[in-house]
PDB file of N, CA and C in Angstrom:
ATOM      1  N   MET A   1      -1.994  27.564  -3.399  1.00  0.00           N
ATOM      2  CA  MET A   1      -0.800  26.795  -4.182  1.00  0.00           C
ATOM      3  C   MET A   1      -0.365  25.815  -3.450  1.00  0.00           C
ATOM      4  N   MET A   2      -0.078  24.523  -3.955  1.00  0.00           N
ATOM      5  CA  MET A   2       0.730  23.526  -3.333  1.00  0.00           C
ATOM      6  C   MET A   2       2.051  23.624  -3.328  1.00  0.00           C
ATOM      7  N   HIS A   3       2.678  23.219  -2.312  1.00  0.00           N
ATOM      8  CA  HIS A   3       4.306  23.349  -2.072  1.00  0.00           C
ATOM      9  C   HIS A   3       4.707  21.935  -1.904  1.00  0.00           C
ATOM     10  N   PHE A   4       5.847  21.562  -2.561  1.00  0.00           N
ATOM     11  CA  PHE A   4       6.462  20.367  -2.614  1.00  0.00           C
ATOM     12  C   PHE A   4       7.995  20.556  -2.113  1.00  0.00           C
ATOM     13  N   SER A   5       8.251  19.444  -1.569  1.00  0.00           N
ATOM     14  CA  SER A   5       9.767  19.348  -1.061  1.00  0.00           C
ATOM     15  C   SER A   5      10.249  17.875  -1.467  1.00  0.00           C
ATOM     16  N   CYS A   6      11.460  17.790  -1.682  1.00  0.00           N
ATOM     17  CA  CYS A   6      12.047  16.377  -2.192  1.00  0.00           C
ATOM     18  C   CYS A   6      12.041  15.638  -0.663  1.00  0.00           C
ATOM     19  N   ASP A   7      11.478  14.517  -0.810  1.00  0.00           N
ATOM     20  CA  ASP A   7      11.219  13.626   0.399  1.00  0.00           C
ATOM     21  C   ASP A   7      12.651  12.966   0.820  1.00  0.00           C
ATOM     22  N   GLN A   8      13.614  13.119  -0.214  1.00  0.00           N
ATOM     23  CA  GLN A   8      15.142  12.524   0.319  1.00  0.00           C
ATOM     24  C   GLN A   8      16.038  13.619   0.872  1.00  0.00           C
ATOM     25  N   CYS A   9      16.220  14.704   0.258  1.00  0.00           N
ATOM     26  CA  CYS A   9      17.074  15.749   0.452  1.00  0.00           C
ATOM     27  C   CYS A   9      16.569  16.827   1.125  1.00  0.00           C
ATOM     28  N   GLY A  10      14.992  16.858   1.004  1.00  0.00           N
ATOM     29  CA  GLY A  10      14.507  18.276   1.861  1.00  0.00           C
ATOM     30  C   GLY A  10      14.370  19.546   0.787  1.00  0.00           C
ATOM     31  N   ARG A  11      14.926  19.546  -0.353  1.00  0.00           N
ATOM     32  CA  ARG A  11      15.046  20.518  -1.150  1.00  0.00           C
ATOM     33  C   ARG A  11      13.604  21.100  -1.676  1.00  0.00           C
ATOM     34  N   GLU A  12      13.537  22.269  -1.537  1.00  0.00           N
ATOM     35  CA  GLU A  12      11.921  22.806  -2.008  1.00  0.00           C
ATOM     36  C   GLU A  12      11.983  22.609  -3.519  1.00  0.00           C
ATOM     37  N   LEU A  13      10.806  22.303  -3.941  1.00  0.00           N
ATOM     38  CA  LEU A  13      10.530  22.092  -5.487  1.00  0.00           C
ATOM     39  C   LEU A  13       9.323  23.192  -5.805  1.00  0.00           C
ATOM     40  N   ARG A  14       9.929  23.765  -6.798  1.00  0.00           N
ATOM     41  CA  ARG A  14       8.955  25.175  -7.245  1.00  0.00           C
ATOM     42  C   ARG A  14       8.310  24.671  -8.573  1.00  0.00           C
ATOM     43  N   ALA A  15       7.127  24.965  -8.315  1.00  0.00           N
ATOM     44  CA  ALA A  15       6.115  24.716  -9.658  1.00  0.00           C
ATOM     45  C   ALA A  15       6.817  25.468 -10.916  1.00  0.00           C
ATOM     46  N   GLY A  16       6.901  24.646 -11.827  1.00  0.00           N
ATOM     47  CA  GLY A  16       7.317  25.517 -13.145  1.00  0.00           C
ATOM     48  C   GLY A  16       8.885  25.604 -13.283  1.00  0.00           C
ATOM     49  N   GLU A  17       9.442  25.496 -12.234  1.00  0.00           N
ATOM     50  CA  GLU A  17      11.004  25.608 -12.221  1.00  0.00           C
ATOM     51  C   GLU A  17      11.749  24.335 -12.189  1.00  0.00           C
ATOM     52  N   ASP A  18      11.220  23.428 -11.005  1.00  0.00           N
ATOM     53  CA  ASP A  18      11.955  22.333 -10.612  1.00  0.00           C
ATOM     54  C   ASP A  18      11.175  21.063 -11.250  1.00  0.00           C
ATOM     55  N   GLN A  19      11.963  20.371 -11.799  1.00  0.00           N
ATOM     56  CA  GLN A  19      11.070  18.858 -12.081  1.00  0.00           C
ATOM     57  C   GLN A  19      10.946  18.130 -11.037  1.00  0.00           C
ATOM     58  N   ARG A  20       9.751  17.480 -10.846  1.00  0.00           N
ATOM     59  CA  ARG A  20       9.390  16.739  -9.596  1.00  0.00           C
ATOM     60  C   ARG A  20       9.025  15.297 -10.101  1.00  0.00           C
ATOM     61  N   TYR A  21       9.516  14.352  -9.373  1.00  0.00           N
ATOM     62  CA  TYR A  21       9.136  12.899  -9.639  1.00  0.00           C
ATOM     63  C   TYR A  21       8.358  12.347  -8.291  1.00  0.00           C
ATOM     64  N   VAL A  22       7.525  11.442  -8.808  1.00  0.00           N
ATOM     65  CA  VAL A  22       6.660  10.798  -7.691  1.00  0.00           C
ATOM     66  C   VAL A  22       7.193   9.281  -7.814  1.00  0.00           C
ATOM     67  N   VAL A  23       7.267   8.842  -6.811  1.00  0.00           N
ATOM     68  CA  VAL A  23       7.690   7.459  -6.635  1.00  0.00           C
ATOM     69  C   VAL A  23       6.692   6.660  -5.741  1.00  0.00           C
ATOM     70  N   LYS A  24       6.023   5.636  -6.415  1.00  0.00           N
ATOM     71  CA  LYS A  24       5.093   5.123  -5.421  1.00  0.00           C
ATOM     72  C   LYS A  24       5.479   3.407  -5.141  1.00  0.00           C
ATOM     73  N   ILE A  25       5.369   3.071  -4.064  1.00  0.00           N
ATOM     74  CA  ILE A  25       5.795   1.638  -3.723  1.00  0.00           C
ATOM     75  C   ILE A  25       4.783   1.119  -3.025  1.00  0.00           C
ATOM     76  N   GLU A  26       4.299  -0.222  -3.390  1.00  0.00           N
ATOM     77  CA  GLU A  26       3.353  -1.140  -2.742  1.00  0.00           C
ATOM     78  C   GLU A  26       4.118  -2.302  -2.151  1.00  0.00           C
ATOM     79  N   ALA A  27       3.984  -2.268  -1.043  1.00  0.00           N
ATOM     80  CA  ALA A  27       4.567  -3.694  -0.056  1.00  0.00           C
ATOM     81  C   ALA A  27       3.267  -4.746   0.167  1.00  0.00           C
ATOM     82  N   PHE A  28       3.623  -5.970  -0.301  1.00  0.00           N
ATOM     83  CA  PHE A  28       2.355  -6.856   0.168  1.00  0.00           C
ATOM     84  C   PHE A  28       2.971  -8.339   0.169  1.00  0.00           C
ATOM     85  N   ALA A  29       2.396  -9.112   0.968  1.00  0.00           N
ATOM     86  CA  ALA A  29       2.929 -10.533   1.046  1.00  0.00           C
ATOM     87  C   ALA A  29       2.768 -11.254  -0.189  1.00  0.00           C
ATOM     88  N   ALA A  30       3.745 -12.129  -0.468  1.00  0.00           N
ATOM     89  CA  ALA A  30       3.796 -12.919  -1.522  1.00  0.00           C
ATOM     90  C   ALA A  30       2.859 -14.139  -1.318  1.00  0.00           C
ATOM     91  N   ASN A  31       2.211 -14.640  -2.249  1.00  0.00           N
ATOM     92  CA  ASN A  31       1.185 -15.713  -2.007  1.00  0.00           C
ATOM     93  C   ASN A  31       1.787 -16.696  -3.093  1.00  0.00           C
ATOM     94  N   ASP A  32       2.462 -17.621  -2.595  1.00  0.00           N
ATOM     95  CA  ASP A  32       2.871 -18.613  -3.266  1.00  0.00           C
ATOM     96  C   ASP A  32       1.829 -20.020  -3.086  1.00  0.00           C
ATOM     97  N   PRO A  33       1.191 -20.366  -4.037  1.00  0.00           N
ATOM     98  CA  PRO A  33       0.158 -21.518  -3.736  1.00  0.00           C
ATOM     99  C   PRO A  33       0.743 -22.609  -3.664  1.00  0.00           C
ATOM    100  N   ALA A  34       0.346 -23.536  -2.817  1.00  0.00           N
ATOM    101  CA  ALA A  34       0.664 -24.699  -2.343  1.00  0.00           C
ATOM    102  C   ALA A  34       0.480 -25.740  -3.507  1.00  0.00           C
ATOM    103  N   GLU A  35       1.411 -26.798  -3.775  1.00  0.00           N
ATOM    104  CA  GLU A  35       1.199 -27.729  -4.873  1.00  0.00           C
ATOM    105  C   GLU A  35      -0.009 -28.533  -4.463  1.00  0.00           C
ATOM    106  N   LEU A  36      -0.787 -28.935  -5.212  1.00  0.00           N
ATOM    107  CA  LEU A  36      -1.980 -29.795  -4.842  1.00  0.00           C
ATOM    108  C   LEU A  36      -1.517 -31.266  -5.451  1.00  0.00           C
ATOM    109  N   THR A  37      -1.866 -32.275  -4.557  1.00  0.00           N
ATOM    110  CA  THR A  37      -1.482 -33.615  -5.018  1.00  0.00           C
ATOM    111  C   THR A  37      -2.840 -34.247  -4.906  1.00  0.00           C
ATOM    112  N   GLU A  38      -2.893 -35.492  -5.478  1.00  0.00           N
ATOM    113  CA  GLU A  38      -3.922 -36.363  -5.734  1.00  0.00           C
ATOM    114  C   GLU A  38      -4.747 -36.579  -4.433  1.00  0.00           C
ATOM    115  N   ALA A  39      -3.901 -36.752  -3.310  1.00  0.00           N
ATOM    116  CA  ALA A  39      -4.351 -37.020  -2.098  1.00  0.00           C
ATOM    117  C   ALA A  39      -5.197 -35.958  -1.545  1.00  0.00           C
ATOM    118  N   ASP A  40      -4.736 -34.657  -1.997  1.00  0.00           N
ATOM    119  CA  ASP A  40      -5.406 -33.521  -1.427  1.00  0.00           C
ATOM    120  C   ASP A  40      -6.790 -33.368  -1.959  1.00  0.00           C
ATOM    121  N   LEU A  41      -7.027 -33.684  -3.375  1.00  0.00           N
ATOM    122  CA  LEU A  41      -8.134 -33.839  -4.104  1.00  0.00           C
ATOM    123  C   LEU A  41      -8.986 -34.775  -3.512  1.00  0.00           C
ATOM    124  N   ASP A  42      -8.639 -35.966  -3.144  1.00  0.00           N
ATOM    125  CA  ASP A  42      -9.417 -37.010  -2.714  1.00  0.00           C
ATOM    126  C   ASP A  42      -9.931 -36.888  -1.116  1.00  0.00           C
ATOM    127  N   GLU A  43      -9.668 -36.072  -0.579  1.00  0.00           N
ATOM    128  CA  GLU A  43      -9.990 -35.669   0.804  1.00  0.00           C
ATOM    129  C   GLU A  43     -11.208 -34.935   1.077  1.00  0.00           C
ATOM    130  N   ASP A  44     -12.006 -35.050   1.863  1.00  0.00           N
ATOM    131  CA  ASP A  44     -13.009 -34.063   1.992  1.00  0.00           C
ATOM    132  C   ASP A  44     -12.821 -33.224   2.939  1.00  0.00           C
ATOM    133  N   HIS A  45     -12.693 -31.742   2.841  1.00  0.00           N
ATOM    134  CA  HIS A  45     -12.091 -30.837   3.606  1.00  0.00           C
ATOM    135  C   HIS A  45     -13.361 -30.097   4.265  1.00  0.00           C
ATOM    136  N   LEU A  46     -14.438 -30.404   4.112  1.00  0.00           N
ATOM    137  CA  LEU A  46     -15.730 -29.609   4.438  1.00  0.00           C
ATOM    138  C   LEU A  46     -15.558 -29.576   5.956  1.00  0.00           C
ATOM    139  N   ALA A  47     -15.309 -30.691   6.763  1.00  0.00           N
ATOM    140  CA  ALA A  47     -15.399 -30.508   8.349  1.00  0.00           C
ATOM    141  C   ALA A  47     -14.299 -29.639   8.698  1.00  0.00           C
ATOM    142  N   GLU A  48     -13.165 -29.676   8.146  1.00  0.00           N
ATOM    143  CA  GLU A  48     -12.194 -28.792   8.496  1.00  0.00           C
ATOM    144  C   GLU A  48     -12.296 -27.373   8.340  1.00  0.00           C
ATOM    145  N   VAL A  49     -13.068 -26.992   7.280  1.00  0.00           N
ATOM    146  CA  VAL A  49     -13.388 -25.754   6.901  1.00  0.00           C
ATOM    147  C   VAL A  49     -14.472 -25.171   7.739  1.00  0.00           C
ATOM    148  N   SER A  50     -15.449 -26.025   8.104  1.00  0.00           N
ATOM    149  CA  SER A  50     -16.423 -25.712   9.172  1.00  0.00           C
ATOM    150  C   SER A  50     -15.826 -25.587  10.543  1.00  0.00           C
ATOM    151  N   GLU A  51     -14.934 -26.281  10.997  1.00  0.00           N
ATOM    152  CA  GLU A  51     -14.127 -26.007  12.136  1.00  0.00           C
ATOM    153  C   GLU A  51     -13.402 -24.658  12.263  1.00  0.00           C
ATOM    154  N   LEU A  52     -12.754 -24.415  11.158  1.00  0.00           N
ATOM    155  CA  LEU A  52     -11.959 -23.186  11.165  1.00  0.00           C
ATOM    156  C   LEU A  52     -13.057 -21.926  11.168  1.00  0.00           C
ATOM    157  N   LEU A  53     -14.165 -21.924  10.470  1.00  0.00           N
ATOM    158  CA  LEU A  53     -15.033 -21.039  10.376  1.00  0.00           C
ATOM    159  C   LEU A  53     -15.516 -20.853  11.834  1.00  0.00           C
ATOM    160  N   GLN A  54     -15.986 -21.880  12.758  1.00  0.00           N
ATOM    161  CA  GLN A  54     -16.263 -21.707  13.881  1.00  0.00           C
ATOM    162  C   GLN A  54     -15.446 -21.021  14.727  1.00  0.00           C
ATOM    163  N   GLU A  55     -14.083 -21.399  14.719  1.00  0.00           N
ATOM    164  CA  GLU A  55     -13.052 -20.692  15.531  1.00  0.00           C
ATOM    165  C   GLU A  55     -13.070 -19.371  15.371  1.00  0.00           C
ATOM    166  N   LEU A  56     -13.272 -19.048  14.103  1.00  0.00           N
ATOM    167  CA  LEU A  56     -13.255 -17.539  13.899  1.00  0.00           C
ATOM    168  C   LEU A  56     -14.479 -16.842  14.354  1.00  0.00           C
ATOM    169  N   SER A  57     -15.669 -17.419  14.364  1.00  0.00           N
ATOM    170  CA  SER A  57     -16.879 -16.836  14.840  1.00  0.00           C
ATOM    171  C   SER A  57     -16.720 -16.861  16.360  1.00  0.00           C
ATOM    172  N   ASP A  58     -16.021 -17.684  17.043  1.00  0.00           N
ATOM    173  CA  ASP A  58     -16.046 -17.553  18.514  1.00  0.00           C
ATOM    174  C   ASP A  58     -14.953 -16.638  18.873  1.00  0.00           C
ATOM    175  N   ASP A  59     -13.839 -16.175  18.050  1.00  0.00           N
ATOM    176  CA  ASP A  59     -12.937 -15.497  18.502  1.00  0.00           C
ATOM    177  C   ASP A  59     -13.176 -14.101  17.540  1.00  0.00           C
ATOM    178  N   ALA A  60     -14.233 -13.235  18.025  1.00  0.00           N
ATOM    179  CA  ALA A  60     -14.449 -11.940  17.387  1.00  0.00           C
ATOM    180  C   ALA A  60     -13.607 -10.844  17.241  1.00  0.00           C
ATOM    181  N   ALA A  61     -12.557 -11.119  18.099  1.00  0.00           N
ATOM    182  CA  ALA A  61     -11.599 -10.017  18.273  1.00  0.00           C
ATOM    183  C   ALA A  61     -10.186 -10.318  17.569  1.00  0.00           C
ATOM    184  N   PHE A  62     -10.212 -11.090  16.543  1.00  0.00           N
ATOM    185  CA  PHE A  62      -8.869 -11.383  15.890  1.00  0.00           C
ATOM    186  C   PHE A  62      -8.517 -10.209  15.057  1.00  0.00           C
ATOM    187  N   ASP A  63      -7.066  -9.947  14.953  1.00  0.00           N
ATOM    188  CA  ASP A  63      -6.601  -8.933  14.272  1.00  0.00           C
ATOM    189  C   ASP A  63      -5.763  -9.317  12.975  1.00  0.00           C
ATOM    190  N   LEU A  64      -6.071  -8.840  11.784  1.00  0.00           N
ATOM    191  CA  LEU A  64      -5.241  -9.199  10.672  1.00  0.00           C
ATOM    192  C   LEU A  64      -4.461  -8.055  10.271  1.00  0.00           C
ATOM    193  N   PRO A  65      -3.219  -8.230  10.015  1.00  0.00           N
ATOM    194  CA  PRO A  65      -2.415  -7.184   9.508  1.00  0.00           C
ATOM    195  C   PRO A  65      -2.914  -6.767   8.286  1.00  0.00           C
ATOM    196  N   PRO A  66      -2.587  -5.566   7.829  1.00  0.00           N
ATOM    197  CA  PRO A  66      -3.002  -4.931   6.638  1.00  0.00           C
ATOM    198  C   PRO A  66      -2.404  -5.743   5.556  1.00  0.00           C
ATOM    199  N   ALA A  67      -3.274  -5.963   4.668  1.00  0.00           N
ATOM    200  CA  ALA A  67      -2.752  -6.755   3.485  1.00  0.00           C
ATOM    201  C   ALA A  67      -1.725  -6.183   2.548  1.00  0.00           C
ATOM    202  N   THR A  68      -1.923  -4.641   2.513  1.00  0.00           N
ATOM    203  CA  THR A  68      -0.827  -3.965   1.595  1.00  0.00           C
ATOM    204  C   THR A  68      -0.385  -2.855   2.397  1.00  0.00           C
ATOM    205  N   LYS A  69       0.744  -2.321   2.018  1.00  0.00           N
ATOM    206  CA  LYS A  69       1.073  -1.074   2.511  1.00  0.00           C
ATOM    207  C   LYS A  69       1.763  -0.067   1.472  1.00  0.00           C
ATOM    208  N   GLN A  70       1.147   1.105   1.063  1.00  0.00           N
ATOM    209  CA  GLN A  70       1.469   1.945   0.026  1.00  0.00           C
ATOM    210  C   GLN A  70       2.423   3.115   0.586  1.00  0.00           C
ATOM    211  N   PHE A  71       3.263   3.616  -0.349  1.00  0.00           N
ATOM    212  CA  PHE A  71       4.129   4.581   0.132  1.00  0.00           C
ATOM    213  C   PHE A  71       4.016   5.367  -1.077  1.00  0.00           C
ATOM    214  N   ARG A  72       4.520   6.813  -0.869  1.00  0.00           N
ATOM    215  CA  ARG A  72       4.203   7.888  -2.089  1.00  0.00           C
ATOM    216  C   ARG A  72       5.406   8.799  -1.751  1.00  0.00           C
ATOM    217  N   TYR A  73       6.312   9.076  -2.548  1.00  0.00           N
ATOM    218  CA  TYR A  73       7.452   9.941  -2.197  1.00  0.00           C
ATOM    219  C   TYR A  73       7.552  11.059  -3.372  1.00  0.00           C
ATOM    220  N   ASP A  74       7.784  12.278  -3.012  1.00  0.00           N
ATOM    221  CA  ASP A  74       8.212  13.386  -4.220  1.00  0.00           C
ATOM    222  C   ASP A  74       9.728  13.374  -4.091  1.00  0.00           C
ATOM    223  N   LEU A  75      10.333  13.374  -5.225  1.00  0.00           N
ATOM    224  CA  LEU A  75      11.852  13.377  -5.407  1.00  0.00           C
ATOM    225  C   LEU A  75      12.362  14.679  -6.461  1.00  0.00           C
ATOM    226  N   CYS A  76      13.177  15.263  -5.955  1.00  0.00           N
ATOM    227  CA  CYS A  76      13.968  16.091  -7.183  1.00  0.00           C
ATOM    228  C   CYS A  76      14.501  15.326  -8.097  1.00  0.00           C
ATOM    229  N   SER A  77      15.073  15.918  -9.097  1.00  0.00           N
ATOM    230  CA  SER A  77      15.617  15.335 -10.485  1.00  0.00           C
ATOM    231  C   SER A  77      16.910  14.616  -9.871  1.00  0.00           C
ATOM    232  N   GLU A  78      17.643  15.054  -9.040  1.00  0.00           N
ATOM    233  CA  GLU A  78      19.031  14.345  -8.664  1.00  0.00           C
ATOM    234  C   GLU A  78      18.561  13.086  -7.810  1.00  0.00           C
ATOM    235  N   CYS A  79      17.679  13.311  -6.825  1.00  0.00           N
ATOM    236  CA  CYS A  79      17.515  12.054  -5.869  1.00  0.00           C
ATOM    237  C   CYS A  79      16.739  11.123  -6.805  1.00  0.00           C
ATOM    238  N   HIS A  80      15.867  11.545  -7.711  1.00  0.00           N
ATOM    239  CA  HIS A  80      15.274  10.460  -8.671  1.00  0.00           C
ATOM    240  C   HIS A  80      16.207   9.780  -9.450  1.00  0.00           C
ATOM    241  N   GLN A  81      17.182  10.269 -10.011  1.00  0.00           N
ATOM    242  CA  GLN A  81      18.348   9.553 -10.695  1.00  0.00           C
ATOM    243  C   GLN A  81      19.050   8.640  -9.591  1.00  0.00           C
ATOM    244  N   ARG A  82      19.516   9.099  -8.403  1.00  0.00           N
ATOM    245  CA  ARG A  82      19.902   8.201  -7.486  1.00  0.00           C
ATOM    246  C   ARG A  82      19.172   6.978  -7.272  1.00  0.00           C
ATOM    247  N   TYR A  83      17.756   7.357  -6.957  1.00  0.00           N
ATOM    248  CA  TYR A  83      16.806   6.083  -6.706  1.00  0.00           C
ATOM    249  C   TYR A  83      16.653   5.236  -7.997  1.00  0.00           C
ATOM    250  N   VAL A  84      16.596   5.517  -9.042  1.00  0.00           N
ATOM    251  CA  VAL A  84      16.628   4.751 -10.095  1.00  0.00           C
ATOM    252  C   VAL A  84      17.517   3.828 -10.441  1.00  0.00           C
ATOM    253  N   ARG A  85      18.888   4.493 -10.078  1.00  0.00           N
ATOM    254  CA  ARG A  85      20.123   3.587 -10.285  1.00  0.00           C
ATOM    255  C   ARG A  85      20.307   2.522  -9.149  1.00  0.00           C
ATOM    256  N   ASP A  86      19.751   2.869  -7.867  1.00  0.00           N
ATOM    257  CA  ASP A  86      19.729   2.173  -6.758  1.00  0.00           C
ATOM    258  C   ASP A  86      18.747   2.118  -5.764  1.00  0.00           C
ATOM    259  N   PRO A  87      17.521   1.514  -6.427  1.00  0.00           N
ATOM    260  CA  PRO A  87      16.257   1.672  -5.675  1.00  0.00           C
ATOM    261  C   PRO A  87      16.183   1.023  -4.185  1.00  0.00           C
ATOM    262  N   LEU A  88      17.077   0.158  -3.950  1.00  0.00           N
ATOM    263  CA  LEU A  88      17.191  -0.489  -2.464  1.00  0.00           C
ATOM    264  C   LEU A  88      18.401   0.102  -1.588  1.00  0.00           C
ATOM    265  N   SER A  89      19.046   1.156  -2.293  1.00  0.00           N
ATOM    266  CA  SER A  89      20.386   1.708  -1.430  1.00  0.00           C
ATOM    267  C   SER A  89      21.207   0.684  -1.162  1.00  0.00           C
ATOM    268  N   LYS A  90      21.534  -0.213  -1.853  1.00  0.00           N
ATOM    269  CA  LYS A  90      22.417  -1.296  -1.588  1.00  0.00           C
ATOM    270  C   LYS A  90      23.779  -0.639  -1.496  1.00  0.00           C
ATOM    271  N   ASP A  91      24.212   0.291  -2.524  1.00  0.00           N
ATOM    272  CA  ASP A  91      25.512   0.968  -2.645  1.00  0.00           C
ATOM    273  C   ASP A  91      25.828   1.825  -1.274  1.00  0.00           C
ATOM    274  N   HIS A  92      24.684   2.206  -0.724  1.00  0.00           N
ATOM    275  CA  HIS A  92      24.940   3.021   0.636  1.00  0.00           C
ATOM    276  C   HIS A  92      24.851   2.366   1.951  1.00  0.00           C
ATOM    277  N   GLN A  93      24.605   0.994   1.873  1.00  0.00           N
ATOM    278  CA  GLN A  93      24.558   0.215   3.149  1.00  0.00           C
ATOM    279  C   GLN A  93      25.920  -0.063   3.656  1.00  0.00           C
ATOM    280  N   GLN A  94      26.007   0.139   4.905  1.00  0.00           N
ATOM    281  CA  GLN A  94      27.177   0.102   5.722  1.00  0.00           C
ATOM    282  C   GLN A  94      27.914  -1.539   5.644  1.00  0.00           C
ATOM    283  N   LYS A  95      29.003  -1.357   5.064  1.00  0.00           N
ATOM    284  CA  LYS A  95      29.654  -2.726   4.956  1.00  0.00           C
ATOM    285  C   LYS A  95      30.748  -2.853   6.134  1.00  0.00           C
ATOM    286  N   PHE A  96      30.823  -3.937   6.840  1.00  0.00           N
ATOM    287  CA  PHE A  96      31.742  -4.362   7.615  1.00  0.00           C
ATOM    288  C   PHE A  96      32.905  -5.119   7.334  1.00  0.00           C
ATOM    289  N   HIS A  97      34.085  -4.775   7.371  1.00  0.00           N
ATOM    290  CA  HIS A  97      35.353  -5.510   7.231  1.00  0.00           C
ATOM    291  C   HIS A  97      35.792  -5.954   8.366  1.00  0.00           C
ATOM    292  N   PHE A  98      35.803  -7.266   8.822  1.00  0.00           N
ATOM    293  CA  PHE A  98      36.349  -7.671  10.103  1.00  0.00           C
ATOM    294  C   PHE A  98      37.762  -8.196   9.747  1.00  0.00           C
ATOM    295  N   SER A  99      38.748  -7.970  10.898  1.00  0.00           N
ATOM    296  CA  SER A  99      40.061  -8.490  10.673  1.00  0.00           C
ATOM    297  C   SER A  99      39.936 -10.032  11.097  1.00  0.00           C
ATOM    298  N   LYS A 100      41.195 -10.719  10.506  1.00  0.00           N
ATOM    299  CA  LYS A 100      41.300 -11.974  10.520  1.00  0.00           C
ATOM    300  C   LYS A 100      42.041 -12.354  11.891  1.00  0.00           C
ATOM    301  N   ASN A 101      41.483 -12.130  13.152  1.00  0.00           N
ATOM    302  CA  ASN A 101      42.314 -12.517  14.335  1.00  0.00           C
ATOM    303  C   ASN A 101      42.249 -13.876  14.758  1.00  0.00           C
TER     304      ASN A 101
END
């Protein structure tokens, strides 16, 4: 039998007794395509692409960061309600109030 606990507060979630919510988050880099101009379309980029491919084949040990990162959390009903109200925890961030010296 599988046992679950809330990933936020740690409370044990018993099957059939407690409501359990699953939150899945996927983080990935945004890809905003560059705007093409007439000059871009007029240029022949074949030599540039060939040069880039040659550089990649010369450096066989290049490391690419993972394209996406996925997270999965189990939440109890109370933590789920708090998460839905404030998913980025902006209400709980420490706010500094500096004096005007």
